[in-house]
Structures are given as C-alpha cells and as structure tokens.
N, C-alpha and C. Protein backbone atom coordinates (compact mmCIF):
# COMPACT_ATOMS: atom_id res chain seq x y z
N MET A 1 66.13 10.59 93.44
CA MET A 1 65.98 10.83 92.12
C MET A 1 64.48 9.26 93.47
N ASP A 2 63.10 10.04 93.87
CA ASP A 2 62.02 9.35 94.15
C ASP A 2 61.66 8.68 93.42
N GLN A 3 60.74 7.41 93.58
CA GLN A 3 60.15 6.19 93.04
C GLN A 3 58.93 6.94 92.44
N GLY A 4 58.33 8.32 92.52
CA GLY A 4 57.00 8.64 91.51
C GLY A 4 58.02 9.32 90.42
N GLN A 5 58.90 9.88 90.61
CA GLN A 5 59.59 10.57 89.30
C GLN A 5 60.40 9.48 88.47
N ARG A 6 60.82 8.65 89.36
CA ARG A 6 61.48 7.35 88.22
C ARG A 6 60.22 6.80 87.85
N LEU A 7 59.11 6.42 88.49
CA LEU A 7 58.61 5.96 87.63
C LEU A 7 57.40 6.59 85.91
N GLU A 8 57.61 7.83 86.04
CA GLU A 8 57.01 8.86 85.33
C GLU A 8 58.09 9.06 84.28
N GLU A 9 59.03 8.84 84.02
CA GLU A 9 60.32 8.13 83.49
C GLU A 9 60.04 7.11 82.64
N ILE A 10 59.59 6.44 83.10
CA ILE A 10 59.85 4.69 83.00
C ILE A 10 58.23 5.11 81.76
N VAL A 11 57.35 5.83 82.33
CA VAL A 11 56.38 5.53 81.06
C VAL A 11 56.44 6.62 80.36
N ALA A 12 57.04 7.54 80.48
CA ALA A 12 57.28 8.53 78.73
C ALA A 12 58.14 7.69 78.20
N ASP A 13 58.62 6.71 78.73
CA ASP A 13 60.13 6.04 78.02
C ASP A 13 59.02 4.68 77.04
N CYS A 14 57.54 4.28 77.66
CA CYS A 14 57.18 3.96 77.37
C CYS A 14 56.37 4.07 75.65
N GLN A 15 55.97 5.45 76.56
CA GLN A 15 55.12 6.33 75.29
C GLN A 15 55.85 6.75 73.81
N LYS A 16 57.33 6.65 74.59
CA LYS A 16 58.48 7.03 73.22
C LYS A 16 58.46 5.65 72.24
N GLY A 17 57.83 4.71 73.04
CA GLY A 17 58.52 3.77 72.15
C GLY A 17 59.13 2.34 73.35
N SER A 18 59.85 2.65 74.06
CA SER A 18 60.90 2.24 74.62
C SER A 18 59.92 0.82 74.66
N GLU A 19 60.16 -0.78 74.11
CA GLU A 19 60.23 -2.10 75.05
C GLU A 19 60.88 -2.30 76.59
N ARG A 20 62.22 -1.83 76.22
CA ARG A 20 62.85 -2.24 78.04
C ARG A 20 61.22 -1.39 79.45
N ALA A 21 61.77 -0.36 78.77
CA ALA A 21 60.77 0.96 79.17
C ALA A 21 59.28 -0.01 79.64
N PHE A 22 59.12 -0.47 78.81
CA PHE A 22 57.66 -1.66 79.09
C PHE A 22 57.90 -3.09 79.54
N GLU A 23 58.66 -3.18 79.57
CA GLU A 23 59.30 -4.11 80.74
C GLU A 23 59.72 -4.05 82.16
N ARG A 24 59.82 -2.84 82.03
CA ARG A 24 60.32 -2.32 83.30
C ARG A 24 59.02 -2.33 84.54
N LEU A 25 57.85 -1.80 83.79
CA LEU A 25 56.46 -1.52 84.02
C LEU A 25 55.95 -2.19 84.37
N VAL A 26 56.22 -3.21 83.25
CA VAL A 26 55.01 -5.10 83.78
C VAL A 26 55.59 -5.47 84.72
N ASP A 27 57.09 -5.36 84.90
CA ASP A 27 58.02 -6.46 86.06
C ASP A 27 57.51 -5.67 87.13
N LEU A 28 57.45 -3.92 87.33
CA LEU A 28 57.16 -3.27 88.90
C LEU A 28 55.50 -2.89 89.04
N TYR A 29 54.31 -3.99 88.16
CA TYR A 29 53.36 -4.44 87.99
C TYR A 29 52.80 -5.61 88.09
N ALA A 30 53.48 -6.37 87.48
CA ALA A 30 52.87 -8.05 87.14
C ALA A 30 52.12 -8.37 88.60
N SER A 31 53.05 -8.76 89.65
CA SER A 31 52.64 -9.42 90.61
C SER A 31 51.66 -8.62 91.56
N ARG A 32 51.46 -7.60 91.71
CA ARG A 32 50.24 -6.50 92.15
C ARG A 32 49.08 -6.49 91.06
N CYS A 33 48.92 -6.85 89.90
CA CYS A 33 48.06 -6.56 88.72
C CYS A 33 47.71 -7.97 89.29
N TYR A 34 47.96 -8.79 89.34
CA TYR A 34 47.93 -10.43 88.91
C TYR A 34 46.59 -11.05 90.24
N ASN A 35 47.95 -10.85 91.47
CA ASN A 35 46.63 -11.01 92.85
C ASN A 35 45.86 -10.21 92.89
N TYR A 36 45.90 -8.52 92.34
CA TYR A 36 44.28 -8.37 92.06
C TYR A 36 43.32 -8.78 91.49
N PHE A 37 43.58 -9.69 90.24
CA PHE A 37 42.55 -10.57 89.62
C PHE A 37 42.50 -11.80 90.16
N TYR A 38 43.34 -12.29 91.04
CA TYR A 38 43.56 -13.66 91.49
C TYR A 38 41.99 -13.15 92.91
N ARG A 39 42.03 -12.43 93.33
CA ARG A 39 41.62 -11.78 94.43
C ARG A 39 39.99 -11.97 94.45
N LEU A 40 39.99 -10.93 92.81
CA LEU A 40 38.80 -10.54 92.21
C LEU A 40 37.91 -12.33 91.95
N CYS A 41 38.69 -13.00 91.46
CA CYS A 41 37.74 -14.01 90.26
C CYS A 41 37.94 -15.21 91.26
N GLY A 42 39.72 -15.34 91.92
CA GLY A 42 40.29 -16.62 92.87
C GLY A 42 40.25 -18.00 91.45
N ASN A 43 40.60 -17.89 90.35
CA ASN A 43 41.25 -18.40 89.27
C ASN A 43 41.95 -18.14 89.36
N THR A 44 42.96 -18.96 88.72
CA THR A 44 44.33 -18.50 88.50
C THR A 44 44.40 -18.48 87.04
N THR A 45 43.76 -19.40 85.85
CA THR A 45 43.95 -19.23 84.94
C THR A 45 43.40 -17.98 84.86
N ILE A 46 42.16 -17.60 84.57
CA ILE A 46 41.15 -16.37 84.54
C ILE A 46 42.07 -15.76 84.54
N SER A 47 43.06 -14.99 86.01
CA SER A 47 43.73 -14.67 86.64
C SER A 47 44.82 -14.33 85.46
N HIS A 48 45.80 -14.65 84.72
CA HIS A 48 46.70 -15.02 84.14
C HIS A 48 46.13 -14.68 82.89
N ASP A 49 44.89 -14.95 82.73
CA ASP A 49 44.63 -14.33 81.41
C ASP A 49 44.29 -12.73 81.40
N LEU A 50 43.50 -12.63 81.78
CA LEU A 50 43.39 -10.95 82.69
C LEU A 50 44.16 -10.48 82.72
N LEU A 51 45.65 -10.31 83.24
CA LEU A 51 47.15 -10.03 83.64
C LEU A 51 47.48 -9.63 82.07
N SER A 52 47.10 -10.51 80.70
CA SER A 52 48.28 -10.77 79.33
C SER A 52 46.57 -9.32 78.72
N ASP A 53 46.04 -9.49 79.08
CA ASP A 53 44.65 -8.51 77.97
C ASP A 53 45.19 -7.27 78.76
N LEU A 54 45.27 -7.39 80.28
CA LEU A 54 45.99 -5.65 80.72
C LEU A 54 46.87 -5.12 80.38
N PHE A 55 47.85 -6.38 79.99
CA PHE A 55 49.53 -5.17 79.35
C PHE A 55 49.28 -5.66 78.12
N MET A 56 48.45 -6.13 77.35
CA MET A 56 48.01 -5.90 76.09
C MET A 56 46.83 -4.75 75.71
N LYS A 57 46.60 -4.51 76.74
CA LYS A 57 45.50 -3.09 76.68
C LYS A 57 46.91 -2.55 77.11
N LEU A 58 47.81 -1.99 78.17
CA LEU A 58 48.48 -1.12 78.60
C LEU A 58 49.20 -0.95 77.51
N TYR A 59 50.27 -2.06 76.81
CA TYR A 59 50.68 -1.29 74.98
C TYR A 59 50.29 -0.79 73.96
N GLU A 60 48.77 -1.03 74.45
CA GLU A 60 48.05 -0.41 73.46
C GLU A 60 47.75 1.39 73.62
N LYS A 61 47.55 1.54 74.95
CA LYS A 61 46.67 2.66 75.58
C LYS A 61 47.89 3.10 76.44
N ILE A 62 48.97 2.82 76.35
CA ILE A 62 50.24 3.67 77.35
C ILE A 62 49.95 5.55 76.67
N GLY A 63 49.97 5.34 75.02
CA GLY A 63 49.81 6.94 74.96
C GLY A 63 48.79 7.73 75.57
N SER A 64 47.64 7.21 75.62
CA SER A 64 46.92 8.39 76.08
C SER A 64 46.92 8.95 77.54
N TYR A 65 47.47 7.81 78.39
CA TYR A 65 48.05 8.54 79.96
C TYR A 65 48.25 9.53 79.90
N GLN A 66 47.22 10.61 80.69
CA GLN A 66 47.81 12.16 80.44
C GLN A 66 48.27 12.79 81.84
N GLY A 67 48.89 11.42 83.03
CA GLY A 67 49.82 12.30 83.82
C GLY A 67 48.76 11.86 85.02
N GLY A 68 49.03 12.62 86.45
CA GLY A 68 48.12 12.20 87.42
C GLY A 68 48.98 10.97 88.34
N SER A 69 47.49 10.06 88.88
CA SER A 69 48.41 8.97 89.30
C SER A 69 48.62 7.75 88.38
N PHE A 70 49.65 7.16 88.16
CA PHE A 70 49.57 6.04 87.30
C PHE A 70 49.50 4.66 87.27
N GLU A 71 48.86 4.95 88.90
CA GLU A 71 49.08 3.50 89.60
C GLU A 71 46.37 3.61 89.32
N LYS A 72 46.64 4.65 89.99
CA LYS A 72 44.72 5.00 89.20
C LYS A 72 44.31 4.02 88.27
N TRP A 73 44.74 5.43 86.97
CA TRP A 73 44.78 5.35 85.27
C TRP A 73 44.73 3.28 85.52
N LEU A 74 46.21 2.93 85.71
CA LEU A 74 46.21 1.10 85.04
C LEU A 74 45.53 0.49 85.98
N PHE A 75 44.79 0.52 86.96
CA PHE A 75 43.90 -0.05 88.25
C PHE A 75 42.15 -0.16 87.73
N THR A 76 42.53 1.50 87.09
CA THR A 76 41.09 1.36 85.76
C THR A 76 41.01 0.27 84.74
N ILE A 77 42.31 -0.15 83.89
CA ILE A 77 41.72 -0.21 82.83
C ILE A 77 41.83 -1.93 83.24
N ALA A 78 42.47 -2.24 84.91
CA ALA A 78 42.10 -3.18 85.31
C ALA A 78 40.40 -3.53 86.06
N SER A 79 40.02 -2.48 86.46
CA SER A 79 39.27 -2.87 86.60
C SER A 79 38.15 -3.29 85.95
N ASN A 80 37.51 -2.77 84.28
CA ASN A 80 37.19 -2.76 83.77
C ASN A 80 37.20 -3.69 82.82
N LEU A 81 38.78 -4.42 82.34
CA LEU A 81 38.87 -5.07 81.93
C LEU A 81 37.98 -6.70 82.70
N PHE A 82 38.42 -6.66 84.33
CA PHE A 82 37.58 -7.67 84.94
C PHE A 82 36.11 -7.87 84.71
N HIS A 83 35.57 -6.34 84.54
CA HIS A 83 33.87 -6.08 84.63
C HIS A 83 33.51 -7.26 83.17
N ASP A 84 34.07 -6.31 81.77
CA ASP A 84 33.61 -7.02 80.52
C ASP A 84 34.62 -8.11 80.70
N HIS A 85 35.60 -9.47 81.52
CA HIS A 85 34.74 -10.73 81.82
C HIS A 85 33.84 -10.83 82.34
N LEU A 86 33.31 -10.61 83.98
CA LEU A 86 31.93 -11.07 84.05
C LEU A 86 30.91 -10.46 83.67
N ARG A 87 30.68 -9.89 82.18
CA ARG A 87 29.67 -8.99 81.47
C ARG A 87 29.55 -10.98 80.25
N ARG A 88 31.18 -10.69 80.07
CA ARG A 88 31.35 -11.85 78.68
C ARG A 88 30.53 -13.29 79.57
N GLN A 89 31.35 -13.91 80.41
CA GLN A 89 30.72 -15.15 81.32
C GLN A 89 29.13 -14.76 81.54
N TYR A 90 28.25 -13.95 82.37
CA TYR A 90 27.14 -13.63 82.24
C TYR A 90 27.01 -13.77 80.98
N ARG A 91 27.16 -13.36 80.08
CA ARG A 91 26.12 -13.76 78.67
C ARG A 91 26.44 -15.46 78.07
N GLN A 92 27.59 -15.52 78.41
CA GLN A 92 27.91 -16.83 78.02
C GLN A 92 27.03 -17.91 79.17
N LYS A 93 26.63 -17.55 79.94
CA LYS A 93 25.85 -18.50 80.55
C LYS A 93 24.48 -18.33 80.67
N ARG A 94 23.96 -17.34 79.72
CA ARG A 94 22.57 -16.88 79.40
C ARG A 94 22.81 -17.82 77.84
N LEU A 95 23.24 -17.51 77.17
CA LEU A 95 23.45 -18.08 75.90
C LEU A 95 23.12 -19.75 76.18
N LEU A 96 23.89 -20.60 77.30
CA LEU A 96 23.48 -21.41 77.83
C LEU A 96 22.60 -22.13 77.96
N GLU A 97 22.21 -21.53 78.65
CA GLU A 97 20.57 -21.70 79.66
C GLU A 97 19.45 -21.39 78.03
N VAL A 98 19.31 -20.72 77.30
CA VAL A 98 18.49 -20.69 77.01
C VAL A 98 19.07 -21.75 75.41
N LYS A 99 20.25 -21.64 75.22
CA LYS A 99 20.31 -23.36 74.13
C LYS A 99 19.51 -24.36 74.55
N ALA A 100 20.23 -24.63 76.61
CA ALA A 100 19.46 -26.37 76.78
C ALA A 100 18.05 -26.14 76.83
N ARG A 101 17.66 -25.37 77.24
CA ARG A 101 15.94 -24.95 76.96
C ARG A 101 15.27 -25.64 75.51
N ASP A 102 16.48 -24.79 74.37
CA ASP A 102 15.69 -24.99 73.72
C ASP A 102 15.56 -26.23 72.72
N ILE A 103 17.25 -26.78 73.54
CA ILE A 103 17.55 -28.77 73.30
C ILE A 103 16.16 -29.36 74.23
N ALA A 104 15.74 -28.72 74.84
CA ALA A 104 15.26 -29.61 75.81
C ALA A 104 13.72 -29.45 75.34
N GLU A 105 13.52 -28.37 74.69
CA GLU A 105 12.16 -28.23 74.04
C GLU A 105 11.81 -28.66 72.85
N GLN A 106 13.06 -29.27 71.73
CA GLN A 106 12.92 -29.61 70.58
C GLN A 106 12.09 -31.36 70.74
N ARG A 107 11.55 -31.58 69.90
CA ARG A 107 10.78 -33.01 69.46
C ARG A 107 11.05 -33.31 67.92
N PRO A 108 12.32 -34.47 68.16
CA PRO A 108 12.54 -34.70 67.40
C PRO A 108 11.16 -36.09 66.80
N ILE A 109 11.16 -35.92 64.85
CA ILE A 109 10.25 -36.79 64.20
C ILE A 109 10.52 -37.72 64.13
N LYS A 110 11.76 -38.14 64.23
CA LYS A 110 11.72 -39.89 63.86
C LYS A 110 12.19 -40.52 65.77
N SER A 111 12.73 -41.68 66.29
CA SER A 111 12.79 -42.61 67.59
C SER A 111 14.74 -42.24 67.15
N ASN A 112 15.00 -42.66 65.81
CA ASN A 112 16.15 -42.87 65.88
C ASN A 112 17.00 -41.48 66.11
N ASP A 113 16.45 -40.25 65.85
CA ASP A 113 16.62 -39.43 65.62
C ASP A 113 16.90 -39.17 67.63
N ASP A 114 15.55 -39.08 68.02
CA ASP A 114 15.44 -38.95 69.68
C ASP A 114 16.52 -39.77 70.34
N ASP A 115 16.89 -41.22 70.02
CA ASP A 115 17.57 -42.01 70.57
C ASP A 115 19.55 -40.94 70.76
N TRP A 116 19.80 -40.43 69.09
CA TRP A 116 20.99 -39.99 69.25
C TRP A 116 20.88 -38.71 69.83
N SER A 117 19.87 -37.78 69.62
CA SER A 117 19.75 -36.45 70.33
C SER A 117 20.56 -36.90 72.07
N GLU A 118 19.26 -37.58 72.52
CA GLU A 118 19.72 -38.11 73.73
C GLU A 118 20.86 -38.80 74.38
N ARG A 119 21.64 -39.88 72.96
CA ARG A 119 23.49 -40.09 73.32
C ARG A 119 23.80 -38.94 73.32
N ILE A 120 23.92 -38.28 72.20
CA ILE A 120 24.83 -37.13 72.40
C ILE A 120 24.98 -35.83 73.60
N GLN A 121 23.72 -35.96 74.03
CA GLN A 121 23.31 -35.30 74.92
C GLN A 121 24.52 -35.59 76.42
N ILE A 122 23.86 -36.71 76.19
CA ILE A 122 24.66 -37.45 77.38
C ILE A 122 26.74 -37.49 77.00
N LEU A 123 27.09 -37.60 75.77
CA LEU A 123 28.52 -37.37 75.96
C LEU A 123 28.83 -36.03 76.16
N LEU A 124 28.06 -35.03 75.77
CA LEU A 124 28.42 -34.00 75.69
C LEU A 124 28.31 -33.62 77.40
N LYS A 125 27.90 -34.36 78.20
CA LYS A 125 27.77 -34.03 79.64
C LYS A 125 29.49 -34.53 80.10
N LYS A 126 29.77 -35.23 79.60
CA LYS A 126 30.96 -36.23 80.05
C LYS A 126 32.32 -35.91 79.44
N LEU A 127 32.32 -34.15 79.27
CA LEU A 127 32.86 -33.85 78.29
C LEU A 127 33.51 -32.44 79.38
N ASP A 128 34.91 -32.00 79.84
CA ASP A 128 34.75 -30.57 80.22
C ASP A 128 33.65 -30.09 80.33
N GLU A 129 33.38 -28.66 81.30
CA GLU A 129 32.16 -27.86 80.75
C GLU A 129 32.74 -27.15 79.64
N ASP A 130 33.74 -26.80 79.57
CA ASP A 130 34.86 -25.40 78.52
C ASP A 130 34.01 -26.01 76.96
N THR A 131 34.52 -27.35 77.15
CA THR A 131 34.84 -28.11 75.76
C THR A 131 32.82 -28.13 75.35
N ALA A 132 32.43 -28.92 76.65
CA ALA A 132 30.46 -29.14 76.20
C ALA A 132 30.27 -27.82 75.29
N GLU A 133 30.77 -26.71 76.46
CA GLU A 133 29.67 -25.00 75.77
C GLU A 133 30.97 -24.78 74.61
N LEU A 134 31.68 -24.43 74.29
CA LEU A 134 32.34 -24.22 72.80
C LEU A 134 31.62 -25.50 71.74
N LEU A 135 31.40 -26.45 72.14
CA LEU A 135 30.68 -27.78 71.50
C LEU A 135 29.11 -26.86 70.77
N LEU A 136 28.33 -26.72 72.30
CA LEU A 136 27.02 -26.20 71.60
C LEU A 136 26.92 -24.84 71.07
N ARG A 137 27.63 -24.03 71.45
CA ARG A 137 27.73 -22.25 71.02
C ARG A 137 28.34 -22.80 69.23
N ARG A 138 29.33 -23.44 69.08
CA ARG A 138 29.46 -23.44 67.88
C ARG A 138 27.89 -24.31 66.78
N PHE A 139 27.44 -25.38 66.70
CA PHE A 139 26.71 -25.87 66.86
C PHE A 139 25.22 -25.84 66.70
N TYR A 140 24.73 -25.39 67.93
CA TYR A 140 23.96 -24.98 68.08
C TYR A 140 23.64 -23.61 68.45
N GLY A 141 24.52 -23.03 68.96
CA GLY A 141 24.18 -21.13 68.77
C GLY A 141 24.69 -20.79 67.06
N GLN A 142 25.54 -21.93 66.34
CA GLN A 142 25.63 -21.64 64.48
C GLN A 142 26.42 -20.48 64.59
N LEU A 143 27.38 -20.12 65.51
CA LEU A 143 28.36 -18.80 65.27
C LEU A 143 29.39 -19.55 64.97
N SER A 144 30.08 -19.09 64.83
CA SER A 144 31.36 -18.96 62.90
C SER A 144 32.35 -19.11 64.12
N PHE A 145 34.05 -19.50 63.98
CA PHE A 145 35.10 -19.32 64.63
C PHE A 145 35.63 -18.27 64.74
N LYS A 146 35.24 -17.29 63.84
CA LYS A 146 35.30 -15.62 64.28
C LYS A 146 34.52 -15.39 65.82
N GLU A 147 33.36 -15.88 64.81
CA GLU A 147 32.57 -14.43 67.03
C GLU A 147 32.83 -15.87 67.46
N LEU A 148 33.41 -17.03 67.92
CA LEU A 148 33.50 -17.58 68.15
C LEU A 148 34.46 -17.00 69.36
N ALA A 149 35.71 -16.52 69.38
CA ALA A 149 37.09 -16.48 69.17
C ALA A 149 36.94 -14.99 70.04
N GLU A 150 36.47 -14.19 69.12
CA GLU A 150 36.46 -13.45 69.68
C GLU A 150 35.30 -12.95 71.15
N GLN A 151 34.08 -13.85 71.18
CA GLN A 151 33.55 -13.98 72.44
C GLN A 151 33.99 -14.37 73.81
N ARG A 152 35.11 -15.18 73.33
CA ARG A 152 35.67 -16.02 74.26
C ARG A 152 36.92 -15.04 74.26
N GLY A 153 37.33 -13.86 73.67
CA GLY A 153 38.65 -13.29 73.72
C GLY A 153 40.21 -14.29 73.60
N GLU A 154 39.98 -14.86 72.42
CA GLU A 154 41.28 -15.70 72.39
C GLU A 154 41.58 -15.66 71.09
N PRO A 155 42.46 -16.61 70.17
CA PRO A 155 42.62 -16.37 69.04
C PRO A 155 42.23 -17.36 68.44
N ILE A 156 41.63 -17.35 66.88
CA ILE A 156 40.79 -18.26 66.69
C ILE A 156 41.33 -19.36 66.58
N GLY A 157 42.36 -19.34 65.97
CA GLY A 157 43.50 -20.48 66.27
C GLY A 157 43.57 -21.83 67.49
N THR A 158 43.39 -20.52 68.32
CA THR A 158 42.83 -21.16 69.71
C THR A 158 41.68 -21.88 70.20
N THR A 159 40.18 -21.06 69.09
CA THR A 159 39.22 -21.97 69.42
C THR A 159 39.20 -23.14 68.89
N LEU A 160 40.24 -23.34 67.03
CA LEU A 160 39.95 -23.74 66.28
C LEU A 160 40.22 -25.55 66.59
N SER A 161 41.44 -24.87 67.25
CA SER A 161 42.16 -26.30 68.13
C SER A 161 41.18 -26.79 68.81
N LYS A 162 40.36 -25.90 70.01
CA LYS A 162 39.84 -26.63 71.08
C LYS A 162 38.46 -27.09 70.39
N VAL A 163 37.70 -26.38 69.53
CA VAL A 163 36.93 -27.30 68.65
C VAL A 163 36.97 -28.95 68.03
N HIS A 164 38.08 -28.77 67.65
CA HIS A 164 38.52 -30.09 66.69
C HIS A 164 39.23 -30.84 68.21
N ARG A 165 39.55 -30.30 68.78
CA ARG A 165 40.10 -31.31 70.27
C ARG A 165 38.27 -32.33 70.88
N GLY A 166 37.79 -31.39 71.03
CA GLY A 166 36.15 -31.29 71.19
C GLY A 166 35.90 -32.07 70.63
N LEU A 167 35.52 -32.26 69.48
CA LEU A 167 34.75 -32.72 68.69
C LEU A 167 35.59 -34.29 68.47
N LYS A 168 36.95 -34.27 68.02
CA LYS A 168 37.56 -35.58 68.49
C LYS A 168 37.25 -36.41 69.53
N LYS A 169 37.28 -35.77 70.74
CA LYS A 169 36.87 -36.22 72.00
C LYS A 169 35.62 -37.28 71.56
N LEU A 170 34.22 -36.68 71.45
CA LEU A 170 32.90 -36.65 71.36
C LEU A 170 32.64 -38.00 69.77
N ARG A 171 33.83 -37.97 69.50
CA ARG A 171 33.74 -39.35 67.98
C ARG A 171 34.36 -40.62 68.68
N GLU A 172 35.66 -39.68 70.13
CA GLU A 172 35.93 -41.51 70.36
C GLU A 172 35.48 -41.97 71.16
N MET A 173 34.21 -40.99 72.05
CA MET A 173 33.42 -41.19 72.74
C MET A 173 32.06 -42.30 72.00
N LEU A 174 32.01 -41.62 71.13
CA LEU A 174 30.62 -41.99 70.20
C LEU A 174 30.53 -43.83 69.84
N GLY A 175 32.76 -44.04 68.99
CA GLY A 175 33.16 -44.76 68.45
C GLY A 175 32.81 -45.90 69.93
N GLY A 176 33.20 -45.66 71.03
CA GLY A 176 33.27 -46.79 72.15
C GLY A 176 31.34 -46.40 72.47
N ASP A 177 30.66 -46.03 71.85
CA ASP A 177 29.79 -46.83 72.19
C ASP A 177 28.37 -47.30 71.97
N HIS A 178 29.00 -47.46 70.61
CA HIS A 178 28.66 -48.74 69.63
C HIS A 178 29.25 -49.79 69.72
N GLU A 179 30.44 -50.01 70.64
CA GLU A 179 31.05 -51.71 70.76
C GLU A 179 29.80 -52.40 71.94
C-alpha cells in the first residue's frame, strides 16, 4: 500500500468520525503546518495558535473534503487562516491608532481629569502591549467581553481573565503612584 492510498484511508476514517484516525492525521501534519505558520509570521505563540485553529477547522470541515490533493486542501485552509489572522491584526492596529488619536484629541474640562488621564496613559505604556491594547479596546472602544473574545479569536474566559489581570496590574501601579 502506498502512502497516498494510506492517507486516503485515514481521511475516509476521519470523515466517518474516527478520533484515532484524526489523531493520526494531526501527527502526520502538525510539524509541517507549524513550520508553515512559523515561516509566515516568525512567532511561536501565533504559530501554535494558528495550528490549533487549523486542526479545529480541519475537524469541522473534514466532511467537506471531496478528494483530490488533501495537502492542497489542507494548506488552502491554513493559508486562509493566516490571511484572516493578518486582517484581524490590521484591524486591531487601525482601531488602536484611531483610539489613540481620539484620546490625544480629547480635552478634559477639569485639571484633575487631565492629571488622571495623563497618569493612566503613562501607566498603560508600562503594561505589555497586548494587555494595554485589551484594556483600551474594552473601555475606550466600549466592546463587550464577547466582542473582544470574538475579535481576538479566543475563549471568552481567557479574555475575561486577561482583562481582570490587566486591571489588577493597573490598580497596583496606581496604588504605587500615590505613595
């Protein structure tokens, strides 16, 4: 039996719902797909996230595979995921730029507000980029936790936890600011 025929059997078993066959498919392609993502973005965390997304999509869409080159089909899905990631990243960057401009253009009425805004802005710069962006999008962008989680492509619990940790860190820094 050649490798192509073996792959066809594994895919057919996956389409029948075999978890064992799906595990074999993951074993066959995990390394190549991870390397593909890593070469595109150069970031291990993003590559792992994209790889997870790929195998979730594969699990959902394996029934729609109609034959032909499985690798071409798989890497088309991988390519689409990467392009979706780039679009999300671009939208996030644009959103941050717009919000930063809006914040910079706001003129608070009271000097106490001015001092407060300035302190918050300084402290936000001390946070890691991801946390600062998340807090800005949540509070200045007035996004719900659900909207944030969807935009970031992560579970809502993860988003809630990150916002909570970011606020805690910000409060700690504010507390230290008063001393």
